[in-house]
């Protein structure tokens, strides 16, 4: 049942008696049991198909409740994707800074700060955190406090 739910293939072994060619002693080794694995896979497929058939016979309201419950348990949090490529900064003179344009990651960070009303900019050293903070400040009208650690 576990393999049917986790979409995995069982690894079934069986013990086999063999004779050591060097010493002539009998040993017990484990080998894969192909026949048992095939039977288990057939049973797993039968369980899956039975679930699909059972779900097809249930009322739509139950299907919706089951879907909502699953999504609440396993798909509850979706990390937001901030895409700031649409932004332009006409009053920002990037030539004086010696760069042609902000990187995509910098524009995304500026958009995240604008959308959330602030936030933490935890980029690596040299990734332009100061430029991100100054650019986001420039597009806001309220006073901002920078805390640099």
C-alpha atoms as a PDB file:
ATOM      1  CA  UNK A   1       0.000   0.000   0.000  1.00  0.00           C
ATOM      2  CA  UNK A   2       2.870   2.373   0.839  1.00  0.00           C
ATOM      3  CA  UNK A   3       4.361   1.952  -2.637  1.00  0.00           C
ATOM      4  CA  UNK A   4       0.989   2.648  -4.275  1.00  0.00           C
ATOM      5  CA  UNK A   5       0.601   5.875  -2.287  1.00  0.00           C
ATOM      6  CA  UNK A   6       4.183   7.064  -2.801  1.00  0.00           C
ATOM      7  CA  UNK A   7       4.392   6.002  -6.471  1.00  0.00           C
ATOM      8  CA  UNK A   8       7.448   3.812  -5.886  1.00  0.00           C
ATOM      9  CA  UNK A   9       8.451   0.315  -6.940  1.00  0.00           C
ATOM     10  CA  UNK A  10       8.968  -2.268  -4.200  1.00  0.00           C
ATOM     11  CA  UNK A  11      12.362  -3.946  -3.889  1.00  0.00           C
ATOM     12  CA  UNK A  12      11.657  -7.533  -2.882  1.00  0.00           C
ATOM     13  CA  UNK A  13      14.514  -9.923  -2.128  1.00  0.00           C
ATOM     14  CA  UNK A  14      14.608 -13.622  -1.455  1.00  0.00           C
ATOM     15  CA  UNK A  15      17.237 -15.785   0.195  1.00  0.00           C
ATOM     16  CA  UNK A  16      19.124 -18.273  -1.936  1.00  0.00           C
ATOM     17  CA  UNK A  17      21.549 -21.011  -0.903  1.00  0.00           C
ATOM     18  CA  UNK A  18      24.788 -21.044  -2.921  1.00  0.00           C
ATOM     19  CA  UNK A  19      28.055 -22.906  -2.602  1.00  0.00           C
ATOM     20  CA  UNK A  20      31.243 -20.881  -2.350  1.00  0.00           C
ATOM     21  CA  UNK A  21      33.524 -21.915  -5.257  1.00  0.00           C
ATOM     22  CA  UNK A  22      36.706 -21.406  -3.251  1.00  0.00           C
ATOM     23  CA  UNK A  23      35.834 -22.933   0.122  1.00  0.00           C
ATOM     24  CA  UNK A  24      32.957 -25.198  -0.890  1.00  0.00           C
ATOM     25  CA  UNK A  25      30.833 -23.894   2.003  1.00  0.00           C
ATOM     26  CA  UNK A  26      27.110 -23.238   1.668  1.00  0.00           C
ATOM     27  CA  UNK A  27      26.133 -19.562   1.984  1.00  0.00           C
ATOM     28  CA  UNK A  28      22.843 -17.745   2.042  1.00  0.00           C
ATOM     29  CA  UNK A  29      22.667 -14.672  -0.202  1.00  0.00           C
ATOM     30  CA  UNK A  30      19.861 -12.272  -1.028  1.00  0.00           C
ATOM     31  CA  UNK A  31      18.765 -11.829  -4.641  1.00  0.00           C
ATOM     32  CA  UNK A  32      15.988  -9.781  -6.200  1.00  0.00           C
ATOM     33  CA  UNK A  33      12.743 -11.675  -6.617  1.00  0.00           C
ATOM     34  CA  UNK A  34      11.580 -10.570 -10.073  1.00  0.00           C
ATOM     35  CA  UNK A  35       8.381 -12.604  -9.981  1.00  0.00           C
ATOM     36  CA  UNK A  36       7.313 -11.133  -6.615  1.00  0.00           C
ATOM     37  CA  UNK A  37       8.150  -7.613  -7.818  1.00  0.00           C
ATOM     38  CA  UNK A  38       5.966  -8.099 -10.920  1.00  0.00           C
ATOM     39  CA  UNK A  39       3.102  -9.405  -8.784  1.00  0.00           C
ATOM     40  CA  UNK A  40       3.456  -6.454  -6.389  1.00  0.00           C
ATOM     41  CA  UNK A  41       3.452  -3.985  -9.297  1.00  0.00           C
ATOM     42  CA  UNK A  42       0.290  -5.599 -10.683  1.00  0.00           C
ATOM     43  CA  UNK A  43      -1.378  -5.275  -7.258  1.00  0.00           C
ATOM     44  CA  UNK A  44      -0.241  -1.641  -6.969  1.00  0.00           C
ATOM     45  CA  UNK A  45      -1.763  -0.884 -10.377  1.00  0.00           C
ATOM     46  CA  UNK A  46      -4.987  -2.625  -9.297  1.00  0.00           C
ATOM     47  CA  UNK A  47      -5.124  -0.442  -6.159  1.00  0.00           C
ATOM     48  CA  UNK A  48      -4.524   2.729  -8.185  1.00  0.00           C
ATOM     49  CA  UNK A  49      -7.206   1.836 -10.716  1.00  0.00           C
ATOM     50  CA  UNK A  50      -9.597   0.939  -7.894  1.00  0.00           C
ATOM     51  CA  UNK A  51      -9.042   4.368  -6.356  1.00  0.00           C
ATOM     52  CA  UNK A  52      -9.709   6.091  -9.687  1.00  0.00           C
ATOM     53  CA  UNK A  53     -12.899   4.055 -10.159  1.00  0.00           C
ATOM     54  CA  UNK A  54     -14.033   4.774  -6.584  1.00  0.00           C
ATOM     55  CA  UNK A  55     -13.350   8.489  -6.980  1.00  0.00           C
ATOM     56  CA  UNK A  56     -15.308   8.532 -10.249  1.00  0.00           C
ATOM     57  CA  UNK A  57     -18.372   7.137  -8.440  1.00  0.00           C
ATOM     58  CA  UNK A  58     -18.313   9.701  -5.619  1.00  0.00           C
ATOM     59  CA  UNK A  59     -20.471  12.863  -5.685  1.00  0.00           C
ATOM     60  CA  UNK A  60     -18.914  16.072  -6.987  1.00  0.00           C
ATOM     61  CA  UNK A  61     -19.261  17.776  -3.610  1.00  0.00           C
ATOM     62  CA  UNK A  62     -17.112  15.068  -1.996  1.00  0.00           C
ATOM     63  CA  UNK A  63     -14.498  15.403  -4.750  1.00  0.00           C
ATOM     64  CA  UNK A  64     -14.338  19.143  -4.115  1.00  0.00           C
ATOM     65  CA  UNK A  65     -14.028  18.634  -0.346  1.00  0.00           C
ATOM     66  CA  UNK A  66     -11.283  16.050  -0.862  1.00  0.00           C
ATOM     67  CA  UNK A  67      -9.447  18.383  -3.246  1.00  0.00           C
ATOM     68  CA  UNK A  68      -9.757  21.313  -0.829  1.00  0.00           C
ATOM     69  CA  UNK A  69      -8.488  19.199   2.062  1.00  0.00           C
ATOM     70  CA  UNK A  70      -5.496  17.970   0.046  1.00  0.00           C
ATOM     71  CA  UNK A  71      -4.609  21.473  -1.134  1.00  0.00           C
ATOM     72  CA  UNK A  72      -4.945  22.831   2.397  1.00  0.00           C
ATOM     73  CA  UNK A  73      -2.576  20.178   3.748  1.00  0.00           C
ATOM     74  CA  UNK A  74       0.011  19.996   0.969  1.00  0.00           C
ATOM     75  CA  UNK A  75      -0.329  23.055  -1.307  1.00  0.00           C
ATOM     76  CA  UNK A  76      -1.091  25.616   1.352  1.00  0.00           C
ATOM     77  CA  UNK A  77       1.859  27.951   0.874  1.00  0.00           C
ATOM     78  CA  UNK A  78       3.043  29.121  -2.506  1.00  0.00           C
ATOM     79  CA  UNK A  79       6.162  31.239  -2.450  1.00  0.00           C
ATOM     80  CA  UNK A  80       5.466  34.466  -4.343  1.00  0.00           C
ATOM     81  CA  UNK A  81       7.449  35.222  -7.451  1.00  0.00           C
ATOM     82  CA  UNK A  82       8.199  38.922  -7.747  1.00  0.00           C
ATOM     83  CA  UNK A  83       8.843  39.949 -11.348  1.00  0.00           C
ATOM     84  CA  UNK A  84      10.101  43.511 -11.516  1.00  0.00           C
ATOM     85  CA  UNK A  85      11.216  43.549 -15.158  1.00  0.00           C
ATOM     86  CA  UNK A  86       8.363  45.905 -16.080  1.00  0.00           C
ATOM     87  CA  UNK A  87       9.786  48.728 -13.959  1.00  0.00           C
ATOM     88  CA  UNK A  88      11.585  51.723 -15.351  1.00  0.00           C
ATOM     89  CA  UNK A  89      13.580  54.215 -13.340  1.00  0.00           C
ATOM     90  CA  UNK A  90      13.724  57.379 -15.468  1.00  0.00           C
ATOM     91  CA  UNK A  91      15.078  59.600 -12.689  1.00  0.00           C
ATOM     92  CA  UNK A  92      17.912  57.217 -11.841  1.00  0.00           C
ATOM     93  CA  UNK A  93      21.162  58.110 -13.630  1.00  0.00           C
ATOM     94  CA  UNK A  94      22.813  54.715 -13.914  1.00  0.00           C
ATOM     95  CA  UNK A  95      25.576  56.012 -16.201  1.00  0.00           C
ATOM     96  CA  UNK A  96      27.037  57.934 -13.285  1.00  0.00           C
ATOM     97  CA  UNK A  97      27.258  54.637 -11.425  1.00  0.00           C
ATOM     98  CA  UNK A  98      28.976  53.016 -14.388  1.00  0.00           C
ATOM     99  CA  UNK A  99      26.235  50.478 -15.163  1.00  0.00           C
ATOM    100  CA  UNK A 100      23.853  50.166 -18.099  1.00  0.00           C
ATOM    101  CA  UNK A 101      20.813  48.858 -16.221  1.00  0.00           C
ATOM    102  CA  UNK A 102      19.801  47.080 -13.041  1.00  0.00           C
ATOM    103  CA  UNK A 103      20.087  43.302 -13.040  1.00  0.00           C
ATOM    104  CA  UNK A 104      16.866  41.289 -13.122  1.00  0.00           C
ATOM    105  CA  UNK A 105      17.445  40.169  -9.523  1.00  0.00           C
ATOM    106  CA  UNK A 106      17.766  43.810  -8.454  1.00  0.00           C
ATOM    107  CA  UNK A 107      14.556  44.822 -10.241  1.00  0.00           C
ATOM    108  CA  UNK A 108      12.767  41.844  -8.690  1.00  0.00           C
ATOM    109  CA  UNK A 109      13.996  42.866  -5.233  1.00  0.00           C
ATOM    110  CA  UNK A 110      12.841  46.466  -5.760  1.00  0.00           C
ATOM    111  CA  UNK A 111       9.410  45.189  -6.828  1.00  0.00           C
ATOM    112  CA  UNK A 112       9.240  42.910  -3.777  1.00  0.00           C
ATOM    113  CA  UNK A 113      10.033  45.850  -1.483  1.00  0.00           C
ATOM    114  CA  UNK A 114       7.392  48.008  -3.191  1.00  0.00           C
ATOM    115  CA  UNK A 115       4.733  45.291  -3.147  1.00  0.00           C
ATOM    116  CA  UNK A 116       5.275  44.257   0.470  1.00  0.00           C
ATOM    117  CA  UNK A 117       5.844  47.754   1.784  1.00  0.00           C
ATOM    118  CA  UNK A 118       9.361  46.822   2.864  1.00  0.00           C
ATOM    119  CA  UNK A 119      11.293  43.689   3.545  1.00  0.00           C
ATOM    120  CA  UNK A 120      14.669  42.075   3.919  1.00  0.00           C
ATOM    121  CA  UNK A 121      17.152  42.175   1.093  1.00  0.00           C
ATOM    122  CA  UNK A 122      19.455  39.249   1.840  1.00  0.00           C
ATOM    123  CA  UNK A 123      21.558  39.050  -1.296  1.00  0.00           C
ATOM    124  CA  UNK A 124      25.224  38.083  -1.302  1.00  0.00           C
ATOM    125  CA  UNK A 125      28.027  40.577  -0.868  1.00  0.00           C
ATOM    126  CA  UNK A 126      28.422  42.651  -4.022  1.00  0.00           C
ATOM    127  CA  UNK A 127      24.949  41.906  -5.404  1.00  0.00           C
ATOM    128  CA  UNK A 128      23.851  45.546  -5.175  1.00  0.00           C
ATOM    129  CA  UNK A 129      21.804  45.654  -1.977  1.00  0.00           C
ATOM    130  CA  UNK A 130      22.533  49.340  -1.431  1.00  0.00           C
ATOM    131  CA  UNK A 131      21.418  50.174  -4.973  1.00  0.00           C
ATOM    132  CA  UNK A 132      18.256  48.103  -4.454  1.00  0.00           C
ATOM    133  CA  UNK A 133      17.406  49.920  -1.227  1.00  0.00           C
ATOM    134  CA  UNK A 134      18.116  53.359  -2.687  1.00  0.00           C
ATOM    135  CA  UNK A 135      16.114  52.589  -5.829  1.00  0.00           C
ATOM    136  CA  UNK A 136      13.145  51.324  -3.835  1.00  0.00           C
ATOM    137  CA  UNK A 137      13.346  54.381  -1.549  1.00  0.00           C
ATOM    138  CA  UNK A 138      13.357  56.671  -4.548  1.00  0.00           C
ATOM    139  CA  UNK A 139      10.045  55.254  -5.754  1.00  0.00           C
ATOM    140  CA  UNK A 140       8.319  55.757  -2.371  1.00  0.00           C
ATOM    141  CA  UNK A 141       7.080  58.933  -0.787  1.00  0.00           C
ATOM    142  CA  UNK A 142       7.455  58.020   2.891  1.00  0.00           C
ATOM    143  CA  UNK A 143      10.511  58.171   5.112  1.00  0.00           C
ATOM    144  CA  UNK A 144      12.552  55.031   5.193  1.00  0.00           C
ATOM    145  CA  UNK A 145      14.986  53.741   7.784  1.00  0.00           C
ATOM    146  CA  UNK A 146      17.858  51.556   6.587  1.00  0.00           C
ATOM    147  CA  UNK A 147      19.385  49.062   9.002  1.00  0.00           C
ATOM    148  CA  UNK A 148      22.660  47.709   7.684  1.00  0.00           C
ATOM    149  CA  UNK A 149      24.299  44.927   9.639  1.00  0.00           C
END
